[in-house]
Structures are given as C-alpha cells and as structure tokens.
Amino acid sequence: MSILRDFTKSITQIPGWTDSLVSQAEVTTPARAYALVPVIRRAVRLRADAVAGTPYIVENASGEVSDLWNIGALLWDIEASLLIAGAAYILIIRDRRGRVIGLQRINPQSVTVEYRDGATYFQQAAIGSTVWVNSAERHDMLYIREYDPSQDVYPGVSATATALEDAAVSHYASAMLAQYYRYGAQPALIAFVEGATPADKRELRSRLSRSVSGIRNAFRTLVLSRKIVLDKITPPLKELVIPEIDSTALAHISTAYGIPETMLYESAANRATAESHRLTFWQDTIRPRLMELERSLNDQLYNPNGLALHFQPEQLSVFQRDETERSGALLTLCNAGVPLQLAMEILGYDLTDMQWSQLAQAIPDDVIDTAGDGEQDKRAALSAELRRWRVFAERRVRDGRKLREFRSDIIPAVLHAAISGALETAKTTDDVRRVFAAMEDYP
C-alpha cells in the first residue's frame, strides 16, 4: 500500500487557534506597529514625552522672550511623527500680509511629497486639490524629516521602520501564545483511526473539533467507541524558544529608539542603575534630538521672523545632580586661575550667543590679569586665549552651528587671520584641534 493511501486512513485536526492566528492583524507598516505592539507604543511615547517636556525659550533680537505661536503644543506630535512616519508636517498659517499667525499639525499618514522644478509640494489626500509649496518664493510648510542615506527630499527612515521586523516578531510571538491558550492549548493533531470509513472520519473530525477546540473545552473528557492514535505536528512550546526570540526582538527595538532596556521593558537592578540609564537616555538620545529640532525650527520658522528658539534641558531634574558636580568643578577651575568663560566652555556649558556676550560684559576687566609682565606671562596669556578659542570653536562645530568671529586683544593679528582662514574648512571637532595644534609653534 502506498504512503498516500495509508494517509487516507488519518484525520488531520488543525485546532481553532491556528486559523485565528492566520487572520490576526499583520504588522506591515510603522503605523500598524504602533497600534499593535505595546513596546513600540511605549517607545514612541517615551521619546515624545521627553521632547515635549523639555523647557525652551523663544527670544527676539533684544533678548526678550516671546513665544508667539506656542510651538510647545506641537512638539509631542512632531517627535511622534518623526518616529513613526519619518517626517513631520506643520502648516504655517499667515495673514494677508504674509505674517505668521499660527501653526497647524498635518497628519503625516495623509501627506504625499513631490519635488519638481526646485520646489517641494505637499498634498493631503483628505483635502484633495489643496497643495502647499516650499520654494524660494514661499514657505507654506514646516517640514522636518529623518535622515535617509538614499535621498534628501522625501520622508526619511523612521525608528519604527528600522524596528519593524522586530516589532512583527514580538507581535506574532504574543499572538501565537494568546491564540494557543484561547483555544484550549491544543496542538495540531493527526488522528490515525483503525477501520474507519469516509463517513466515520468526517464524523470524528466534527466531534474532535466540537469537543476539544476552545478554552471552555480544555479539560473536557472525550469518549470514543473506536481506537484512535493521535500524533502532534506542533512542536512543544518550550522548543520554540519564544522568550529568547522575543528578548532579542525587544533588544533590537530598544537600540533603534535609543532607549535603555531598563526604561522600556525591564526593571533596573537598583536605583543607581536606573538613574544612570535615565541620564544616558537624555544625554545620548534626547539632547541630540533637541539640537536637530532646534536647528530645523530656527532655520524654517523662527530665524526668518527675527526670533530664535533654544531648548533648555539642563533645567530638568535629571540633570540637576550632574549640574551640582559640574558647579563644583567650575569653582575648582576658577580658584586655580582659569578665566570664568574658559572654565565654563571646558565643562561644556551650553549658552546661547547672547548669553555668552552678556557673560563677557559682566566680567570685570581686572578679574584676571591675562597680559602680565614679561615674556613668560605673555606666552601664558596667549596659550590661554588660544585654548578658549579652540573650545569655543569645538562647541559650535559639535552643535552644528556656523563658526563666528572670535574677538581677542591678545592674539596677534597675523596668527588670528591664519587660524580664522584654516577654520573655514573645519567640519568636525578633530579638524578644529588639528588647526590649533598646527599653531602651537607660533613664535
């Protein structure tokens, strides 16, 4: 007898949980991942809450604080849109004179972007014919996008898109377990029946399905009049290593969002570890993001209108302990004779250009005699001034801001011109260090 004829004597019983699992919603897009996968939802909300909860100020040219358009109400949506869709769209509302009078969020899932003839066009599907344009003549949309190595115009690669496959793994692992237990924890079976006719097999299939499918039948006794042999075709759950697979997926998701695992889904070993991971999250993930948002908001919205926005994360409690230690280091440097402004730059104080200027004006000229008497004092003063310039240049390059003129009465004009010219091509902090290292032997 052939193998195929032998198999006609068996009944394949596929439990209800497998059919239900196949029909489960699939994680096919970042938006679906946010809707279906709890850890994705938590990651997006953690990042968006952090950005939206950061203090900020908006200054005009006179240093007066004035937030005309309440950008703070839109920061949560901007960050969430970037994390899910790879781009955020804020419509700039103007009056008849072209003055900005308000801002309105546009759902990124409904916007299509097209670039042609040197202009970027935005169209929202829900509105149809309405098209907004960013060009040299007009700027309708505040358009912030994630980085994409393959193009520079359309929405970039979002964190959720990067983690999409791992989000799907986590979702399907959970869905499989849920459906498995929902339908009575019954594995897929093959039932071998001795002497069964086709009619017997149909009846037995029906009785098996009714009797053992479903959680309410998980412990029901089934009585049959003839001998059957049941073979499992579903491997035991312990052999599927679901916890290990899910743990790997969660670790990848944590990396994609830049969130420590102890903040996302695991408990920290102790309070010190939790605080350390929280500070790392703010320093390595949120502060760089705030710098990106600050540049985009200033370039597209605030600077063209004579304003400047500055985030102030250092005011948050998470940085207070770090600030206390830094204040002690600042006092130590100043007591050792280091000029106040140089000490603040060495310790990484992030002030605006206006605040640095106000600080310089507030320091009396006789606080530290940088000129001194004799050649040795002059050389020491010059070295200190060059160090101050280098730290100043490094800070601006690191923050992605354009280098501006460094004014000094100590640095000779020839040396000042040489350094200024060399810094014009500096793109990284290493470039800045090389410029100043080359000037160490200046006579």
Protein backbone atom coordinates (compact mmCIF):
# COMPACT_ATOMS: atom_id res chain seq x y z
CA MET A 1 0.00 0.00 0.00
CA SER A 2 1.36 3.42 -0.89
CA ILE A 3 2.12 6.11 1.61
CA LEU A 4 -0.62 8.30 0.20
CA ARG A 5 -3.20 5.50 0.62
CA ASP A 6 -2.06 4.99 4.18
CA PHE A 7 -2.67 8.66 4.89
CA THR A 8 -6.27 8.35 3.71
CA LYS A 9 -6.88 6.49 6.97
CA SER A 10 -5.94 9.54 9.08
CA ILE A 11 -7.68 12.72 10.12
CA THR A 12 -5.75 15.97 10.36
CA GLN A 13 -7.15 18.05 13.20
CA ILE A 14 -5.95 21.69 12.98
CA PRO A 15 -7.07 23.49 16.15
CA GLY A 16 -9.01 26.73 16.05
CA TRP A 17 -6.11 28.82 17.33
CA THR A 18 -4.14 28.30 14.11
CA ASP A 19 -6.98 29.60 11.93
CA SER A 20 -7.45 32.58 14.22
CA LEU A 21 -3.71 33.28 14.23
CA VAL A 22 -3.61 33.44 10.43
CA SER A 23 -6.39 36.02 10.47
CA GLN A 24 -4.67 38.24 13.04
CA ALA A 25 -3.85 41.84 12.07
CA GLU A 26 -0.43 41.98 10.48
CA VAL A 27 2.41 44.35 11.37
CA THR A 28 3.12 45.66 7.88
CA THR A 29 3.68 49.39 8.43
CA PRO A 30 5.12 51.59 11.19
CA ALA A 31 1.62 52.90 11.93
CA ARG A 32 0.33 49.34 12.40
CA ALA A 33 3.31 48.57 14.64
CA TYR A 34 2.35 51.48 16.90
CA ALA A 35 -1.25 50.22 17.04
CA LEU A 36 -0.45 46.55 17.69
CA VAL A 37 2.87 46.26 19.52
CA PRO A 38 2.92 47.54 23.12
CA VAL A 39 6.69 48.09 23.29
CA ILE A 40 6.58 50.24 20.11
CA ARG A 41 3.80 52.34 21.57
CA ARG A 42 5.76 52.79 24.81
CA ALA A 43 8.98 53.69 22.97
CA VAL A 44 7.27 56.35 20.85
CA ARG A 45 5.51 57.86 23.85
CA LEU A 46 8.69 57.89 25.96
CA ARG A 47 10.56 59.81 23.27
CA ALA A 48 7.69 62.18 22.51
CA ASP A 49 7.00 62.88 26.20
CA ALA A 50 10.69 63.66 26.76
CA VAL A 51 10.87 66.14 23.88
CA ALA A 52 7.55 67.80 24.72
CA GLY A 53 8.52 68.09 28.38
CA THR A 54 11.78 69.94 27.76
CA PRO A 55 11.78 73.65 28.72
CA TYR A 56 12.55 76.15 25.96
CA ILE A 57 12.63 79.87 25.31
CA VAL A 58 12.00 81.97 22.21
CA GLU A 59 13.96 85.23 22.04
CA ASN A 60 13.88 88.21 19.73
CA ALA A 61 16.91 90.29 18.76
CA SER A 62 16.67 92.28 22.00
CA GLY A 63 16.69 89.19 24.17
CA GLU A 64 13.02 89.47 25.05
CA VAL A 65 11.21 86.18 25.47
CA SER A 66 8.17 85.78 23.25
CA ASP A 67 6.63 82.51 22.01
CA LEU A 68 4.04 83.83 19.58
CA TRP A 69 2.94 80.52 18.11
CA ASN A 70 3.11 78.14 21.11
CA ILE A 71 5.33 75.57 19.43
CA GLY A 72 5.36 73.63 22.70
CA ALA A 73 1.85 72.34 21.97
CA LEU A 74 3.14 70.70 18.78
CA LEU A 75 6.44 69.19 19.97
CA TRP A 76 4.85 65.89 21.03
CA ASP A 77 3.24 65.43 17.62
CA ILE A 78 6.43 66.42 15.81
CA GLU A 79 8.54 63.83 17.60
CA ALA A 80 5.90 61.09 17.30
CA SER A 81 5.50 61.79 13.58
CA LEU A 82 9.26 61.59 13.04
CA LEU A 83 9.49 58.29 14.93
CA ILE A 84 6.60 56.67 13.04
CA ALA A 85 6.39 58.31 9.61
CA GLY A 86 9.94 59.65 9.24
CA ALA A 87 8.69 63.20 8.76
CA ALA A 88 6.59 65.88 10.47
CA TYR A 89 4.42 68.47 8.72
CA ILE A 90 3.34 71.72 10.39
CA LEU A 91 1.31 74.10 8.24
CA ILE A 92 2.42 77.73 8.62
CA ILE A 93 -0.67 79.94 8.70
CA ARG A 94 -0.14 83.53 7.50
CA ASP A 95 -2.30 86.61 7.23
CA ARG A 96 -2.77 88.62 4.04
CA ARG A 97 0.47 90.48 4.68
CA GLY A 98 2.44 87.24 4.90
CA ARG A 99 2.96 87.39 8.66
CA VAL A 100 2.87 84.11 10.59
CA ILE A 101 -0.21 83.99 12.81
CA GLY A 102 -0.40 80.31 13.71
CA LEU A 103 0.71 76.72 13.21
CA GLN A 104 -1.34 73.60 12.45
CA ARG A 105 -0.25 69.96 12.55
CA ILE A 106 -0.92 67.87 9.45
CA ASN A 107 -1.25 64.08 9.83
CA PRO A 108 1.86 62.61 8.16
CA GLN A 109 -0.05 59.47 7.10
CA SER A 110 -2.18 61.56 4.74
CA VAL A 111 0.54 63.68 3.09
CA THR A 112 2.35 62.96 -0.16
CA VAL A 113 5.55 64.81 -1.05
CA GLU A 114 6.69 65.67 -4.56
CA TYR A 115 9.78 67.56 -5.68
CA ARG A 116 9.93 69.28 -9.06
CA ASP A 117 11.37 72.44 -10.61
CA GLY A 118 13.32 73.31 -7.47
CA ALA A 119 10.27 73.30 -5.17
CA THR A 120 8.75 70.80 -2.74
CA TYR A 121 5.00 70.20 -2.98
CA PHE A 122 2.83 68.77 -0.20
CA GLN A 123 -0.66 67.39 -0.81
CA GLN A 124 -3.05 65.97 1.76
CA ALA A 125 -5.27 63.17 0.48
CA ALA A 126 -8.19 64.17 2.70
CA ILE A 127 -8.32 67.63 1.15
CA GLY A 128 -7.63 66.62 -2.42
CA SER A 129 -6.76 69.62 -4.53
CA THR A 130 -5.09 71.66 -1.78
CA VAL A 131 -1.33 71.82 -2.36
CA TRP A 132 1.26 73.57 -0.23
CA VAL A 133 4.65 74.64 -1.55
CA ASN A 134 8.13 75.24 -0.14
CA SER A 135 10.21 77.19 -2.63
CA ALA A 136 12.44 80.24 -2.87
CA GLU A 137 9.35 82.47 -3.11
CA ARG A 138 7.11 80.94 -0.45
CA HIS A 139 7.32 78.63 2.56
CA ASP A 140 3.97 77.08 3.45
CA MET A 141 5.10 74.04 5.40
CA LEU A 142 7.40 73.48 8.34
CA TYR A 143 8.86 70.21 7.05
CA ILE A 144 11.13 68.19 9.34
CA ARG A 145 12.37 64.81 8.13
CA GLU A 146 14.53 61.98 9.41
CA TYR A 147 17.83 61.23 7.73
CA ASP A 148 17.80 58.87 4.75
CA PRO A 149 21.14 57.93 3.14
CA SER A 150 19.47 57.33 -0.23
CA GLN A 151 17.71 60.69 -0.74
CA ASP A 152 17.36 64.20 0.67
CA VAL A 153 13.80 65.25 -0.18
CA TYR A 154 11.18 62.73 0.87
CA PRO A 155 10.38 61.41 4.38
CA GLY A 156 13.38 59.66 5.91
CA VAL A 157 13.86 56.37 7.72
CA SER A 158 11.95 56.37 10.99
CA ALA A 159 12.96 54.46 14.11
CA THR A 160 9.76 52.42 13.85
CA ALA A 161 10.55 51.46 10.24
CA THR A 162 14.01 50.33 11.35
CA ALA A 163 12.48 48.17 14.10
CA LEU A 164 9.52 46.94 12.03
CA GLU A 165 10.67 43.34 11.60
CA ASP A 166 11.45 43.00 15.30
CA ALA A 167 8.10 44.56 16.14
CA ALA A 168 6.43 41.93 13.96
CA VAL A 169 8.33 39.14 15.74
CA SER A 170 7.23 40.42 19.14
CA HIS A 171 3.62 40.78 17.97
CA TYR A 172 3.35 37.34 16.38
CA ALA A 173 5.00 35.63 19.34
CA SER A 174 2.43 37.18 21.66
CA ALA A 175 -0.43 36.48 19.25
CA MET A 176 0.57 32.83 18.93
CA LEU A 177 0.57 32.30 22.69
CA ALA A 178 -2.71 34.16 23.12
CA GLN A 179 -4.49 32.15 20.45
CA TYR A 180 -2.94 28.88 21.60
CA TYR A 181 -4.35 29.25 25.12
CA ARG A 182 -7.60 30.78 23.91
CA TYR A 183 -8.41 27.59 22.02
CA GLY A 184 -7.68 25.22 24.85
CA ALA A 185 -3.88 24.92 24.49
CA GLN A 186 -4.48 22.21 21.90
CA PRO A 187 -1.69 21.36 19.45
CA ALA A 188 -2.33 20.50 15.80
CA LEU A 189 -3.00 16.74 15.58
CA ILE A 190 -3.08 13.86 13.12
CA ALA A 191 -5.57 11.16 14.20
CA PHE A 192 -4.95 7.62 12.90
CA VAL A 193 -8.17 5.54 13.04
CA GLU A 194 -8.40 1.81 12.51
CA GLY A 195 -11.08 0.60 10.09
CA ALA A 196 -12.70 3.99 9.60
CA THR A 197 -14.91 4.68 6.60
CA PRO A 198 -15.00 8.15 4.97
CA ALA A 199 -18.24 8.83 6.83
CA ASP A 200 -16.62 7.79 10.12
CA LYS A 201 -13.71 10.14 9.51
CA ARG A 202 -16.00 13.08 8.82
CA GLU A 203 -17.96 12.38 11.99
CA LEU A 204 -14.82 12.01 14.09
CA ARG A 205 -13.35 15.24 12.72
CA SER A 206 -16.54 17.06 13.63
CA ARG A 207 -16.64 15.57 17.13
CA LEU A 208 -12.96 16.37 17.79
CA SER A 209 -13.44 19.94 16.67
CA ARG A 210 -16.51 20.45 18.84
CA SER A 211 -15.10 18.69 21.87
CA VAL A 212 -11.55 19.96 22.23
CA SER A 213 -11.47 23.34 20.47
CA GLY A 214 -11.86 26.34 22.72
CA ILE A 215 -10.71 27.20 26.20
CA ARG A 216 -14.02 26.00 27.68
CA ASN A 217 -13.22 22.50 26.44
CA ALA A 218 -9.60 22.41 27.58
CA PHE A 219 -10.34 19.91 30.37
CA ARG A 220 -13.39 18.09 28.90
CA THR A 221 -13.30 14.30 28.65
CA LEU A 222 -13.85 12.87 25.17
CA VAL A 223 -15.26 9.28 24.94
CA LEU A 224 -14.90 7.43 21.62
CA SER A 225 -16.09 3.97 20.55
CA ARG A 226 -13.09 3.00 18.50
CA LYS A 227 -9.36 3.15 18.94
CA ILE A 228 -7.52 6.19 17.58
CA VAL A 229 -3.86 7.21 17.67
CA LEU A 230 -3.11 10.95 17.97
CA ASP A 231 0.21 12.37 16.78
CA LYS A 232 1.20 16.01 17.39
CA ILE A 233 2.51 18.01 14.48
CA THR A 234 3.00 21.19 16.53
CA PRO A 235 6.33 21.24 18.41
CA PRO A 236 6.18 21.82 22.18
CA LEU A 237 6.19 25.48 23.12
CA LYS A 238 9.44 25.13 25.06
CA GLU A 239 11.17 24.08 21.84
CA LEU A 240 10.04 27.25 20.06
CA VAL A 241 12.30 29.38 22.35
CA ILE A 242 9.72 32.13 22.24
CA PRO A 243 11.14 34.02 25.27
CA GLU A 244 14.63 34.10 23.71
CA ILE A 245 13.32 35.23 20.32
CA ASP A 246 11.13 37.91 21.89
CA SER A 247 14.01 39.11 24.08
CA THR A 248 16.24 39.56 21.02
CA ALA A 249 13.50 41.46 19.20
CA LEU A 250 12.95 43.76 22.19
CA ALA A 251 16.69 44.46 22.44
CA HIS A 252 16.75 45.48 18.77
CA ILE A 253 13.74 47.76 19.29
CA SER A 254 15.45 49.36 22.29
CA THR A 255 18.52 50.06 20.17
CA ALA A 256 16.51 51.51 17.28
CA TYR A 257 14.83 54.04 19.57
CA GLY A 258 17.91 54.81 21.66
CA ILE A 259 16.10 53.88 24.87
CA PRO A 260 17.79 51.75 27.57
CA GLU A 261 16.08 48.40 28.10
CA THR A 262 15.58 49.22 31.77
CA MET A 263 13.36 52.15 30.75
CA LEU A 264 11.50 50.29 28.02
CA TYR A 265 10.56 46.87 29.36
CA GLU A 266 12.94 45.63 32.07
CA SER A 267 13.44 46.58 35.71
CA ALA A 268 16.80 48.02 36.71
CA ALA A 269 18.92 46.09 39.17
CA ASN A 270 18.94 49.03 41.57
CA ARG A 271 18.12 52.71 41.80
CA ALA A 272 21.62 53.86 40.87
CA THR A 273 21.47 51.83 37.65
CA ALA A 274 18.04 53.23 36.81
CA GLU A 275 19.23 56.83 37.32
CA SER A 276 22.35 56.20 35.26
CA HIS A 277 20.35 54.76 32.37
CA ARG A 278 17.86 57.61 32.54
CA LEU A 279 20.67 60.18 32.36
CA THR A 280 22.23 58.28 29.45
CA PHE A 281 18.87 58.37 27.64
CA TRP A 282 18.69 62.13 27.98
CA GLN A 283 22.32 62.79 27.13
CA ASP A 284 22.73 60.38 24.21
CA THR A 285 19.25 60.36 22.68
CA ILE A 286 17.11 63.34 23.69
CA ARG A 287 19.71 66.15 23.72
CA PRO A 288 20.96 65.36 20.19
CA ARG A 289 17.35 65.20 19.01
CA LEU A 290 16.64 68.57 20.62
CA MET A 291 19.60 70.05 18.75
CA GLU A 292 18.20 68.72 15.46
CA LEU A 293 14.75 70.13 16.17
CA GLU A 294 16.20 73.45 17.30
CA ARG A 295 18.10 73.86 14.03
CA SER A 296 15.10 72.93 11.89
CA LEU A 297 12.67 75.15 13.77
CA ASN A 298 15.05 78.11 13.72
CA ASP A 299 16.02 77.72 10.06
CA GLN A 300 12.46 77.34 8.76
CA LEU A 301 10.36 79.34 11.21
CA TYR A 302 11.98 81.47 13.88
CA ASN A 303 15.11 82.99 12.33
CA PRO A 304 13.30 84.28 9.20
CA ASN A 305 10.95 86.11 11.58
CA GLY A 306 13.70 87.64 13.74
CA LEU A 307 13.39 85.11 16.56
CA ALA A 308 15.44 82.23 17.94
CA LEU A 309 14.31 79.14 19.87
CA HIS A 310 16.58 77.48 22.44
CA PHE A 311 15.82 74.28 24.32
CA GLN A 312 16.97 74.21 27.95
CA PRO A 313 17.19 70.56 29.06
CA GLU A 314 19.68 71.48 31.78
CA GLN A 315 16.74 72.82 33.81
CA LEU A 316 15.28 69.32 34.15
CA SER A 317 15.70 67.42 37.41
CA VAL A 318 17.53 64.58 35.66
CA PHE A 319 20.46 66.96 35.09
CA GLN A 320 20.41 68.67 38.48
CA ARG A 321 22.75 66.18 40.17
CA ASP A 322 25.12 66.37 37.22
CA GLU A 323 24.97 70.19 37.34
CA THR A 324 25.86 70.17 41.04
CA GLU A 325 29.03 68.19 40.32
CA ARG A 326 29.85 70.45 37.39
CA SER A 327 29.41 73.57 39.52
CA GLY A 328 31.99 72.19 41.96
CA ALA A 329 34.39 71.59 39.07
CA LEU A 330 33.78 75.14 37.82
CA LEU A 331 34.68 76.57 41.23
CA THR A 332 37.86 74.47 41.33
CA LEU A 333 38.99 75.69 37.91
CA CYS A 334 38.29 79.34 38.74
CA ASN A 335 40.17 79.05 42.05
CA ALA A 336 43.11 77.65 40.07
CA GLY A 337 43.22 80.81 37.96
CA VAL A 338 41.32 79.69 34.88
CA PRO A 339 39.14 82.50 33.43
CA LEU A 340 35.44 82.01 34.13
CA GLN A 341 34.32 81.87 30.49
CA LEU A 342 37.11 79.44 29.55
CA ALA A 343 36.25 77.22 32.54
CA MET A 344 32.58 77.17 31.52
CA GLU A 345 33.46 76.21 27.93
CA ILE A 346 35.80 73.44 29.14
CA LEU A 347 32.98 72.00 31.26
CA GLY A 348 30.55 72.12 28.34
CA TYR A 349 28.16 74.85 29.46
CA ASP A 350 25.73 75.34 26.57
CA LEU A 351 24.82 79.03 26.47
CA THR A 352 23.36 80.98 23.58
CA ASP A 353 25.49 83.54 21.76
CA MET A 354 23.60 86.31 23.52
CA GLN A 355 24.22 84.71 26.93
CA TRP A 356 27.95 84.34 26.23
CA SER A 357 28.06 88.01 25.23
CA GLN A 358 26.24 89.08 28.40
CA LEU A 359 28.63 86.97 30.48
CA ALA A 360 31.68 88.60 28.88
CA GLN A 361 30.26 92.05 29.60
CA ALA A 362 29.55 91.13 33.21
CA ILE A 363 33.14 90.03 33.97
CA PRO A 364 35.31 92.97 35.10
CA ASP A 365 38.49 93.53 33.10
CA ASP A 366 40.65 93.20 36.21
CA VAL A 367 39.31 89.82 37.37
CA ILE A 368 42.35 88.12 35.87
CA ASP A 369 45.39 89.94 34.54
CA THR A 370 45.92 87.95 31.36
CA ALA A 371 48.60 90.27 29.99
CA GLY A 372 51.02 90.09 32.93
CA ASP A 373 54.62 91.34 32.91
CA GLY A 374 57.40 89.73 30.96
CA GLU A 375 57.58 87.33 28.06
CA GLN A 376 56.54 84.29 30.09
CA ASP A 377 53.29 85.93 31.19
CA LYS A 378 52.54 86.94 27.60
CA ARG A 379 53.06 83.41 26.36
CA ALA A 380 50.81 82.05 29.13
CA ALA A 381 48.10 84.57 28.28
CA LEU A 382 48.32 83.71 24.57
CA SER A 383 48.07 79.97 25.29
CA ALA A 384 45.02 80.50 27.49
CA GLU A 385 43.36 82.65 24.82
CA LEU A 386 44.03 80.06 22.11
CA ARG A 387 42.59 77.34 24.31
CA ARG A 388 39.48 79.45 24.84
CA TRP A 389 39.14 79.93 21.09
CA ARG A 390 39.61 76.21 20.41
CA VAL A 391 36.96 75.18 22.98
CA PHE A 392 34.64 77.84 21.58
CA ALA A 393 35.12 76.55 18.01
CA GLU A 394 34.72 72.90 19.05
CA ARG A 395 31.47 73.65 20.81
CA ARG A 396 29.95 75.39 17.78
CA VAL A 397 31.08 72.68 15.35
CA ARG A 398 29.76 69.97 17.66
CA ASP A 399 26.40 71.73 17.87
CA GLY A 400 26.26 72.12 14.09
CA ARG A 401 26.35 75.91 14.24
CA LYS A 402 28.30 78.18 11.93
CA LEU A 403 31.63 79.46 13.28
CA ARG A 404 31.57 83.16 14.00
CA GLU A 405 34.37 85.66 14.53
CA PHE A 406 36.39 85.23 17.70
CA ARG A 407 37.45 88.62 19.02
CA SER A 408 40.65 88.93 21.05
CA ASP A 409 43.10 91.67 22.02
CA ILE A 410 45.74 89.09 22.98
CA ILE A 411 46.15 87.02 19.80
CA PRO A 412 48.38 88.76 17.20
CA ALA A 413 46.56 89.82 14.03
CA VAL A 414 48.66 87.59 11.76
CA LEU A 415 48.04 84.50 13.89
CA HIS A 416 44.36 85.39 14.24
CA ALA A 417 43.99 85.63 10.45
CA ALA A 418 45.82 82.33 9.90
CA ILE A 419 43.61 80.45 12.35
CA SER A 420 40.41 82.05 11.03
CA GLY A 421 41.29 81.05 7.49
CA ALA A 422 42.13 77.48 8.47
CA LEU A 423 38.87 77.11 10.43
CA GLU A 424 36.80 77.92 7.36
CA THR A 425 37.20 74.32 6.18
CA ALA A 426 36.80 72.68 9.62
CA LYS A 427 33.80 70.34 9.73
CA THR A 428 34.50 68.28 12.86
CA THR A 429 36.00 68.80 16.30
CA ASP A 430 39.07 66.85 15.14
CA ASP A 431 39.53 69.35 12.31
CA VAL A 432 39.42 72.18 14.86
CA ARG A 433 42.03 70.51 17.07
CA ARG A 434 44.36 70.00 14.10
CA VAL A 435 44.16 73.69 13.21
CA PHE A 436 45.19 74.79 16.69
CA ALA A 437 47.81 72.05 17.02
CA ALA A 438 49.48 73.41 13.88
CA MET A 439 49.72 76.85 15.51
CA GLU A 440 51.43 75.72 18.72
CA ASP A 441 54.90 76.67 17.48
CA TYR A 442 53.90 80.20 16.58
CA PRO A 443 56.79 82.48 17.64
